[in-house]
Amino acid sequence: MKIEVDGAVTEPAATDKRTAVLARRAALLVAGATTSALVACGAETPAPEWSGAWAAAVQHPATAVTPNWSAEGFADQSVRQVVRLSDGGPQVRVRLSNRYGTTPLAVAGATVARSAGGAAVIPETVSRLTVTGAEAFEIAPGAEISSDLVTTPIAAGEAITVTLYFARPTGPATQHAQAAATSYRATGDHTAAPDAAAFTESSQSWYYLAGIDTVRAGRARDVTVAFGDSITDGYRSGIDADQRYPDHLTRQLTAAGRPGAVVNAGISGNRLLTDSTVLGDSALTRFRRDVLDQPGVGTAVILIGINDIGLAGMTGPDGQLSPQVSAEQLVAGYRELIAQARAAGVRVIGATLLPFAGSPFYSAEKDRLRREVNSWITSAGAFDAVVDLDRAMADRTDPARLAGSYDSGDQLHPNDSGYAAMAAAIGKAILT
């Protein structure tokens, strides 16, 4: 059964000491280091303290579920992407990923600016993005890089726009398929264009954009990473409306006076145990890079497993038969994520799997497995805290189903109100 799832010249050095300092500087530039700055006397200033303010979990190029530009890539085109930061700061950096590229990715130009809505930006805020001082740079296959620091004060909740220009063909593009946000494309270099006129094409995916960080000196590790599948990714939430549960959670925690960002590491269709070129690397494969490597992470919320259960025995959009799973296998997977988080000093919150009766996934046996897994999550004491989303989101008269007021219409994914209710329940666990 197939289903739809969601370049400066200097004088020669006069002394050995001066030569050593210059050599060190060159080495830092070659290595792409942006974590320290050299001053004229050869001393170093403290490294910036970076904190994640927005993120997306990257995926293989694929169009089986979400039609987009990832398979064809880009050539003599500008891509403008708008994201909303969950935390602010006086300076930012942008992280770009070529994780699934097979050749070096040549970025001919890039800018960052405050959004003016849609594909337009506020002209006086446009800043060039550089990497070790260069406006054009390459990202090796399988690599992620961070831009140099940009002094662009951004407030929490503000939308920021990143524009990338690719002069040469990129080949298939590392992406995040289901963004619930609009990205824009134009022919030619429009990285500094303030208006939207040239950006006549759009899609609802992100390309190469892996994260945006802000400088937050003296702050504790207060970033929360929401980790999961489509229900974390925000599938079926309002497009460009920032109604995913991590968006609601950001606003709720801010209202409660709790500082720190919430970043979204969900991938639609993702599974705990099984890798896929369409539905993303498994949670076990990607947990370190998508959660533990996020700057400033202190808490992880884990909500994943429903696709392992629901897709079992079915042919997914990647054309692969999804394996049958047991409660013991899923519990072993959760225990591995918990162990990784604890070893990294990250608090880990487990969330129970939502009811799904009436969805294409459902069977009585699959629901029995879901309830067995949920029982372990709530009773085993393995997580640092637990949020019972099963109870919070269920219909009062039929607990195997999502409450009608929370259902987006497919009996599997919440609507905007449902995502808000999820955030309220998770927020209580975080604040406890």
Protein backbone atom coordinates (compact mmCIF):
# COMPACT_ATOMS: atom_id res chain seq x y z
CA MET A 1 0.00 0.00 0.00
CA LYS A 2 1.37 3.43 -0.92
CA ILE A 3 0.47 6.38 1.24
CA GLU A 4 1.26 10.12 1.24
CA VAL A 5 3.40 11.21 4.17
CA ASP A 6 3.49 14.04 5.34
CA GLY A 7 40.72 39.30 -1.29
CA ALA A 8 44.82 42.87 1.17
CA VAL A 9 48.53 43.27 0.69
CA THR A 10 50.83 43.67 3.74
CA GLU A 11 54.52 44.44 4.24
CA PRO A 12 56.86 41.49 5.05
CA ALA A 13 57.05 40.69 8.72
CA ALA A 14 59.87 42.51 10.56
CA THR A 15 60.30 39.99 13.35
CA ASP A 16 59.80 36.33 13.95
CA LYS A 17 57.07 37.16 16.41
CA ARG A 18 55.16 39.15 13.80
CA THR A 19 55.59 36.29 11.30
CA ALA A 20 54.25 33.79 13.77
CA VAL A 21 51.19 35.92 14.44
CA LEU A 22 50.45 36.30 10.72
CA ALA A 23 50.93 32.59 10.13
CA ARG A 24 48.53 31.82 12.87
CA ARG A 25 45.99 34.20 11.41
CA ALA A 26 46.29 32.58 8.00
CA ALA A 27 45.79 29.17 9.53
CA LEU A 28 42.63 30.30 11.23
CA LEU A 29 41.25 31.68 7.99
CA VAL A 30 42.01 28.51 6.08
CA ALA A 31 40.31 26.47 8.75
CA GLY A 32 37.25 28.69 8.54
CA ALA A 33 37.52 29.67 12.18
CA THR A 34 35.20 32.43 13.23
CA THR A 35 35.34 31.77 16.93
CA SER A 36 38.18 34.21 17.74
CA ALA A 37 39.49 37.53 16.40
CA LEU A 38 43.12 38.70 16.31
CA VAL A 39 43.92 42.27 17.31
CA ALA A 40 46.98 44.29 16.18
CA CYS A 41 49.14 43.30 19.13
CA GLY A 42 48.58 39.61 18.42
CA ALA A 43 46.22 38.96 21.36
CA GLU A 44 42.85 37.31 20.92
CA THR A 45 39.46 38.62 21.89
CA PRO A 46 37.02 36.21 23.53
CA ALA A 47 35.07 33.98 21.20
CA PRO A 48 31.40 34.90 20.68
CA GLU A 49 28.94 32.87 22.70
CA TRP A 50 26.54 31.55 20.10
CA SER A 51 23.01 30.45 20.76
CA GLY A 52 20.66 28.82 18.27
CA ALA A 53 17.72 31.03 17.31
CA TRP A 54 16.30 29.06 14.37
CA ALA A 55 17.09 25.74 12.74
CA ALA A 56 15.85 23.25 10.18
CA ALA A 57 16.74 19.58 9.97
CA VAL A 58 18.16 18.97 6.50
CA GLN A 59 17.20 16.13 4.18
CA HIS A 60 18.20 14.45 0.94
CA PRO A 61 16.97 16.06 -2.27
CA ALA A 62 13.59 14.50 -2.97
CA THR A 63 10.27 15.44 -4.53
CA ALA A 64 8.22 12.29 -3.96
CA VAL A 65 6.14 13.92 -1.21
CA THR A 66 6.74 17.66 -1.68
CA PRO A 67 7.18 19.05 -5.23
CA ASN A 68 10.02 21.57 -5.03
CA TRP A 69 13.38 22.61 -6.54
CA SER A 70 15.62 20.18 -4.64
CA ALA A 71 16.06 17.61 -7.42
CA GLU A 72 16.97 20.13 -10.13
CA GLY A 73 18.96 22.49 -7.90
CA PHE A 74 19.88 26.01 -9.03
CA ALA A 75 21.92 27.75 -11.77
CA ASP A 76 22.25 31.55 -12.21
CA GLN A 77 19.46 31.89 -9.67
CA SER A 78 18.84 33.60 -6.36
CA VAL A 79 16.88 31.89 -3.60
CA ARG A 80 15.33 34.06 -0.91
CA GLN A 81 14.19 32.35 2.30
CA VAL A 82 12.32 33.91 5.20
CA VAL A 83 12.46 32.51 8.73
CA ARG A 84 11.30 33.78 12.10
CA LEU A 85 13.85 33.77 14.93
CA SER A 86 12.68 32.51 18.29
CA ASP A 87 15.36 34.56 20.10
CA GLY A 88 17.19 37.79 19.33
CA GLY A 89 20.61 39.35 19.74
CA PRO A 90 22.95 42.08 18.48
CA GLN A 91 24.75 39.86 15.96
CA VAL A 92 23.93 36.80 13.91
CA ARG A 93 25.57 34.11 11.83
CA VAL A 94 24.01 31.80 9.26
CA ARG A 95 24.69 28.07 8.97
CA LEU A 96 24.53 26.49 5.51
CA SER A 97 24.59 22.78 4.74
CA ASN A 98 25.74 20.75 1.74
CA ARG A 99 25.28 17.50 3.66
CA TYR A 100 23.67 15.62 0.81
CA GLY A 101 25.61 17.25 -2.04
CA THR A 102 28.01 15.13 -4.07
CA THR A 103 30.10 18.07 -5.37
CA PRO A 104 31.31 21.34 -3.78
CA LEU A 105 28.53 23.89 -3.50
CA ALA A 106 29.65 27.25 -4.90
CA VAL A 107 27.85 30.18 -3.29
CA ALA A 108 28.54 33.24 -5.46
CA GLY A 109 26.91 35.69 -3.07
CA ALA A 110 24.69 35.84 -0.01
CA THR A 111 22.94 38.43 2.12
CA VAL A 112 20.94 38.63 5.29
CA ALA A 113 18.30 41.27 6.02
CA ARG A 114 15.18 41.94 8.01
CA SER A 115 12.06 40.89 6.22
CA ALA A 116 9.58 43.44 4.91
CA GLY A 117 7.04 40.72 4.16
CA GLY A 118 7.00 38.14 1.40
CA ALA A 119 10.16 38.36 -0.72
CA ALA A 120 10.78 42.02 0.14
CA VAL A 121 13.42 43.16 2.65
CA ILE A 122 14.12 46.39 4.53
CA PRO A 123 16.84 48.02 2.35
CA GLU A 124 18.98 49.56 5.10
CA THR A 125 19.29 46.21 6.85
CA VAL A 126 20.84 44.26 3.93
CA SER A 127 24.26 42.88 4.92
CA ARG A 128 26.63 40.69 2.90
CA LEU A 129 27.28 37.25 4.30
CA THR A 130 30.94 36.23 4.16
CA VAL A 131 32.92 33.16 5.11
CA THR A 132 36.45 33.95 6.40
CA GLY A 133 36.03 37.34 4.76
CA ALA A 134 35.09 36.07 1.30
CA GLU A 135 31.79 37.01 -0.32
CA ALA A 136 31.98 33.94 -2.60
CA PHE A 137 32.77 30.59 -1.04
CA GLU A 138 32.35 26.85 -1.42
CA ILE A 139 30.91 24.23 0.88
CA ALA A 140 32.45 20.79 0.55
CA PRO A 141 30.20 17.77 -0.06
CA GLY A 142 28.78 16.51 3.22
CA ALA A 143 29.83 19.67 5.10
CA GLU A 144 28.13 22.48 6.98
CA ILE A 145 29.67 25.94 7.41
CA SER A 146 28.92 29.03 9.49
CA SER A 147 29.13 32.52 8.08
CA ASP A 148 31.19 35.24 9.67
CA LEU A 149 29.50 37.32 12.34
CA VAL A 150 27.11 39.98 11.02
CA THR A 151 26.14 42.94 13.19
CA THR A 152 22.43 42.96 12.57
CA PRO A 153 20.44 43.43 15.77
CA ILE A 154 17.42 41.17 15.66
CA ALA A 155 14.58 41.00 18.15
CA ALA A 156 13.03 37.75 19.31
CA GLY A 157 10.13 36.87 17.05
CA GLU A 158 11.42 38.96 14.14
CA ALA A 159 11.50 37.57 10.60
CA ILE A 160 14.86 37.49 8.86
CA THR A 161 15.61 36.87 5.19
CA VAL A 162 18.59 34.97 3.76
CA THR A 163 19.25 35.27 0.02
CA LEU A 164 21.71 32.94 -1.74
CA TYR A 165 22.97 33.35 -5.32
CA PHE A 166 24.25 30.36 -7.27
CA ALA A 167 26.04 31.36 -10.48
CA ARG A 168 26.99 27.79 -11.44
CA PRO A 169 24.74 24.73 -11.43
CA THR A 170 24.49 23.31 -7.93
CA GLY A 171 23.18 19.87 -8.71
CA PRO A 172 20.50 18.45 -6.40
CA ALA A 173 20.03 20.57 -3.31
CA THR A 174 20.15 19.66 0.38
CA GLN A 175 16.77 20.75 1.63
CA HIS A 176 14.09 20.74 4.28
CA ALA A 177 11.05 19.60 2.37
CA GLN A 178 7.99 20.66 4.32
CA ALA A 179 8.73 24.14 5.62
CA ALA A 180 5.18 25.46 6.06
CA ALA A 181 6.80 28.67 4.76
CA THR A 182 7.33 30.24 1.34
CA SER A 183 10.74 30.46 -0.33
CA TYR A 184 11.29 32.56 -3.47
CA ARG A 185 13.41 32.18 -6.61
CA ALA A 186 14.67 34.68 -9.21
CA THR A 187 16.88 34.45 -12.28
CA GLY A 188 20.25 36.22 -11.83
CA ASP A 189 21.87 37.83 -8.81
CA HIS A 190 19.27 39.58 -6.69
CA THR A 191 20.91 39.10 -3.31
CA ALA A 192 20.84 42.85 -2.56
CA ALA A 193 17.47 43.59 -4.16
CA PRO A 194 15.14 45.18 -1.58
CA ASP A 195 11.92 44.49 -3.44
CA ALA A 196 10.22 41.31 -4.47
CA ALA A 197 9.76 42.06 -8.17
CA ALA A 198 12.36 39.59 -9.51
CA PHE A 199 11.24 36.75 -7.23
CA THR A 200 8.43 35.40 -9.37
CA GLU A 201 8.64 31.72 -8.38
CA SER A 202 7.94 30.15 -5.02
CA SER A 203 7.98 26.86 -3.18
CA GLN A 204 7.27 25.70 0.34
CA SER A 205 10.68 24.18 1.15
CA TRP A 206 14.01 25.47 2.48
CA TYR A 207 17.30 24.92 0.64
CA TYR A 208 20.80 24.64 2.18
CA LEU A 209 19.66 26.70 5.20
CA ALA A 210 20.42 24.78 8.41
CA GLY A 211 20.40 27.39 11.17
CA ILE A 212 20.70 30.97 12.35
CA ASP A 213 22.48 31.76 15.61
CA THR A 214 22.65 34.90 17.72
CA VAL A 215 25.30 36.16 20.14
CA ARG A 216 24.02 35.92 23.68
CA ALA A 217 26.93 36.57 26.08
CA GLY A 218 26.69 35.21 29.59
CA ARG A 219 23.62 33.09 28.94
CA ALA A 220 23.16 29.56 30.19
CA ARG A 221 22.33 26.69 27.86
CA ASP A 222 18.71 27.69 27.47
CA VAL A 223 17.85 26.55 23.94
CA THR A 224 15.10 23.96 23.62
CA VAL A 225 15.20 21.67 20.60
CA ALA A 226 11.90 20.15 19.50
CA PHE A 227 12.82 16.84 17.88
CA GLY A 228 10.44 14.65 15.98
CA ASP A 229 8.42 13.98 12.86
CA SER A 230 5.65 15.82 10.99
CA ILE A 231 3.80 16.68 14.18
CA THR A 232 6.90 18.64 15.29
CA ASP A 233 7.60 19.86 11.74
CA GLY A 234 4.13 21.43 11.73
CA TYR A 235 2.56 19.54 8.84
CA ARG A 236 -0.90 20.89 7.94
CA SER A 237 -0.37 24.07 9.99
CA GLY A 238 -0.96 27.44 8.32
CA ILE A 239 1.56 28.38 5.63
CA ASP A 240 3.68 31.42 6.62
CA ALA A 241 1.61 31.60 9.80
CA ASP A 242 4.16 30.17 12.29
CA GLN A 243 1.59 27.90 13.90
CA ARG A 244 3.77 24.81 14.44
CA TYR A 245 3.87 23.62 18.04
CA PRO A 246 7.49 24.91 18.52
CA ASP A 247 6.29 28.37 17.36
CA HIS A 248 3.48 28.33 19.92
CA LEU A 249 5.91 27.04 22.54
CA THR A 250 8.29 29.95 21.88
CA ARG A 251 5.50 32.46 22.49
CA GLN A 252 4.23 30.68 25.58
CA LEU A 253 7.67 30.43 27.21
CA THR A 254 8.37 34.09 26.41
CA ALA A 255 5.07 35.09 28.00
CA ALA A 256 6.02 33.06 31.08
CA GLY A 257 9.31 34.97 31.37
CA ARG A 258 11.45 31.98 30.48
CA PRO A 259 14.39 33.12 28.26
CA GLY A 260 15.86 31.11 25.43
CA ALA A 261 15.03 29.93 21.96
CA VAL A 262 12.97 27.01 20.75
CA VAL A 263 14.29 25.50 17.52
CA ASN A 264 12.50 22.98 15.36
CA ALA A 265 14.26 19.74 14.39
CA GLY A 266 11.23 17.92 13.02
CA ILE A 267 11.11 16.12 9.68
CA SER A 268 7.80 15.03 8.22
CA GLY A 269 7.51 11.26 7.93
CA ASN A 270 10.60 10.72 10.08
CA ARG A 271 11.09 7.51 12.02
CA LEU A 272 13.01 6.60 15.15
CA LEU A 273 14.67 3.49 13.75
CA THR A 274 14.65 3.63 9.94
CA ASP A 275 16.63 5.85 7.53
CA SER A 276 15.02 7.12 4.34
CA THR A 277 16.13 9.26 1.42
CA VAL A 278 12.66 10.84 1.38
CA LEU A 279 11.56 10.82 5.02
CA GLY A 280 14.96 11.76 6.46
CA ASP A 281 17.72 10.01 8.33
CA SER A 282 16.35 8.17 11.35
CA ALA A 283 16.20 9.84 14.74
CA LEU A 284 19.05 7.61 15.88
CA THR A 285 21.20 8.73 12.94
CA ARG A 286 20.52 12.46 13.17
CA PHE A 287 20.02 13.13 16.88
CA ARG A 288 23.58 14.33 17.55
CA ARG A 289 23.77 16.79 14.66
CA ASP A 290 20.19 18.03 14.83
CA VAL A 291 19.90 18.29 18.63
CA LEU A 292 23.13 17.95 20.58
CA ASP A 293 25.19 20.05 18.14
CA GLN A 294 22.75 22.97 18.29
CA PRO A 295 24.54 25.95 19.93
CA GLY A 296 23.30 26.51 23.47
CA VAL A 297 21.03 23.47 23.68
CA GLY A 298 19.90 22.65 27.20
CA THR A 299 16.63 20.77 26.67
CA ALA A 300 15.38 18.32 24.08
CA VAL A 301 11.73 17.36 23.59
CA ILE A 302 11.41 13.98 21.88
CA LEU A 303 8.20 13.12 20.07
CA ILE A 304 8.77 10.39 17.53
CA GLY A 305 7.73 6.81 16.77
CA ILE A 306 4.25 7.06 15.29
CA ASN A 307 5.64 6.58 11.76
CA ASP A 308 7.60 3.50 12.81
CA ILE A 309 4.31 2.06 14.01
CA GLY A 310 1.97 3.42 11.36
CA LEU A 311 4.12 2.81 8.29
CA ALA A 312 5.09 -0.73 9.31
CA GLY A 313 4.28 -3.15 6.53
CA MET A 314 3.52 -0.38 4.05
CA THR A 315 5.45 0.91 1.05
CA GLY A 316 6.36 4.51 1.76
CA PRO A 317 7.02 7.38 -0.67
CA ASP A 318 10.68 6.27 -0.85
CA GLY A 319 9.48 3.04 -2.47
CA GLN A 320 10.73 0.96 0.46
CA LEU A 321 8.74 -1.45 2.56
CA SER A 322 8.78 -0.12 6.11
CA PRO A 323 9.82 -2.80 8.63
CA GLN A 324 7.65 -4.14 11.39
CA VAL A 325 8.72 -2.88 14.82
CA SER A 326 8.17 -4.00 18.39
CA ALA A 327 7.76 -2.02 21.59
CA GLU A 328 11.12 -3.39 22.72
CA GLN A 329 12.86 -2.01 19.63
CA LEU A 330 11.28 1.40 20.04
CA VAL A 331 12.14 1.51 23.75
CA ALA A 332 15.75 0.61 22.94
CA GLY A 333 15.79 3.51 20.46
CA TYR A 334 14.44 5.94 23.05
CA ARG A 335 17.00 4.73 25.59
CA GLU A 336 19.81 5.41 23.11
CA LEU A 337 18.59 9.01 22.55
CA ILE A 338 18.26 9.52 26.31
CA ALA A 339 21.79 8.22 26.89
CA GLN A 340 23.21 10.55 24.22
CA ALA A 341 21.38 13.53 25.70
CA ARG A 342 22.45 12.80 29.27
CA ALA A 343 26.09 12.34 28.19
CA ALA A 344 25.92 15.80 26.62
CA GLY A 345 24.33 17.35 29.71
CA VAL A 346 21.02 17.96 27.97
CA ARG A 347 17.70 17.56 29.79
CA VAL A 348 15.45 15.25 27.85
CA ILE A 349 11.66 15.35 27.88
CA GLY A 350 9.66 12.49 26.43
CA ALA A 351 6.25 12.97 24.85
CA THR A 352 3.69 10.24 24.35
CA LEU A 353 2.42 9.42 20.87
CA LEU A 354 -0.84 11.07 19.86
CA PRO A 355 -3.99 9.06 19.09
CA PHE A 356 -4.49 8.25 15.40
CA ALA A 357 -7.70 6.24 14.94
CA GLY A 358 -9.32 7.01 11.60
CA SER A 359 -6.02 7.78 9.86
CA PRO A 360 -4.62 5.61 7.02
CA PHE A 361 -2.08 4.29 9.54
CA TYR A 362 -4.56 2.89 12.00
CA SER A 363 -5.22 -0.68 12.97
CA ALA A 364 -6.18 -2.13 16.32
CA GLU A 365 -2.81 -3.92 16.57
CA LYS A 366 -0.85 -0.74 15.74
CA ASP A 367 -2.85 1.15 18.35
CA ARG A 368 -2.09 -1.54 20.91
CA LEU A 369 1.63 -1.04 20.17
CA ARG A 370 1.26 2.74 20.47
CA ARG A 371 -0.40 2.38 23.86
CA GLU A 372 2.30 -0.05 25.03
CA VAL A 373 5.02 2.43 24.04
CA ASN A 374 3.16 5.28 25.73
CA SER A 375 2.84 3.24 28.92
CA TRP A 376 6.61 2.81 28.99
CA ILE A 377 7.20 6.53 28.35
CA THR A 378 4.95 7.56 31.22
CA SER A 379 5.91 4.89 33.77
CA ALA A 380 9.54 3.85 33.21
CA GLY A 381 11.16 6.99 34.63
CA ALA A 382 13.70 6.96 31.79
CA PHE A 383 13.13 10.56 30.71
CA ASP A 384 13.90 13.59 32.90
CA ALA A 385 10.28 14.63 32.43
CA VAL A 386 7.27 13.39 30.52
CA VAL A 387 4.40 15.16 28.80
CA ASP A 388 1.35 13.01 28.11
CA LEU A 389 0.21 14.31 24.75
CA ASP A 390 -1.89 11.21 24.24
CA ARG A 391 -4.15 12.26 27.10
CA ALA A 392 -3.99 15.99 26.32
CA MET A 393 -5.00 15.57 22.67
CA ALA A 394 -7.48 12.69 22.78
CA ASP A 395 -11.21 12.85 22.19
CA ARG A 396 -12.99 12.56 25.53
CA THR A 397 -15.46 9.96 24.33
CA ASP A 398 -13.09 8.00 22.05
CA PRO A 399 -9.51 8.22 23.42
CA ALA A 400 -8.10 6.40 20.38
CA ARG A 401 -8.95 9.49 18.29
CA LEU A 402 -7.69 13.06 18.19
CA ALA A 403 -10.20 15.49 19.65
CA GLY A 404 -12.25 16.96 16.83
CA SER A 405 -11.33 20.52 17.79
CA TYR A 406 -7.64 19.63 17.44
CA ASP A 407 -7.84 17.54 14.25
CA SER A 408 -6.57 19.02 10.96
CA GLY A 409 -8.86 16.63 9.10
CA ASP A 410 -6.65 13.58 8.58
CA GLN A 411 -7.09 12.14 12.11
CA LEU A 412 -3.32 12.16 12.51
CA HIS A 413 -2.00 15.72 12.47
CA PRO A 414 -3.25 18.53 14.72
CA ASN A 415 -4.62 21.78 13.36
CA ASP A 416 -3.33 25.18 14.54
CA SER A 417 -5.41 24.95 17.73
CA GLY A 418 -4.10 21.45 18.34
CA TYR A 419 -0.51 22.58 17.95
CA ALA A 420 -1.19 25.36 20.48
CA ALA A 421 -2.61 22.80 22.91
CA MET A 422 0.46 20.60 22.46
CA ALA A 423 2.71 23.58 23.20
CA ALA A 424 0.77 24.36 26.36
CA ALA A 425 1.25 20.83 27.67
CA ILE A 426 4.94 20.73 26.73
CA GLY A 427 5.52 24.19 28.19
CA LYS A 428 4.34 22.99 31.57
CA ALA A 429 6.89 20.16 31.51
CA ILE A 430 9.70 22.55 30.52
CA LEU A 431 8.84 25.06 33.24
CA THR A 432 8.54 22.43 35.95
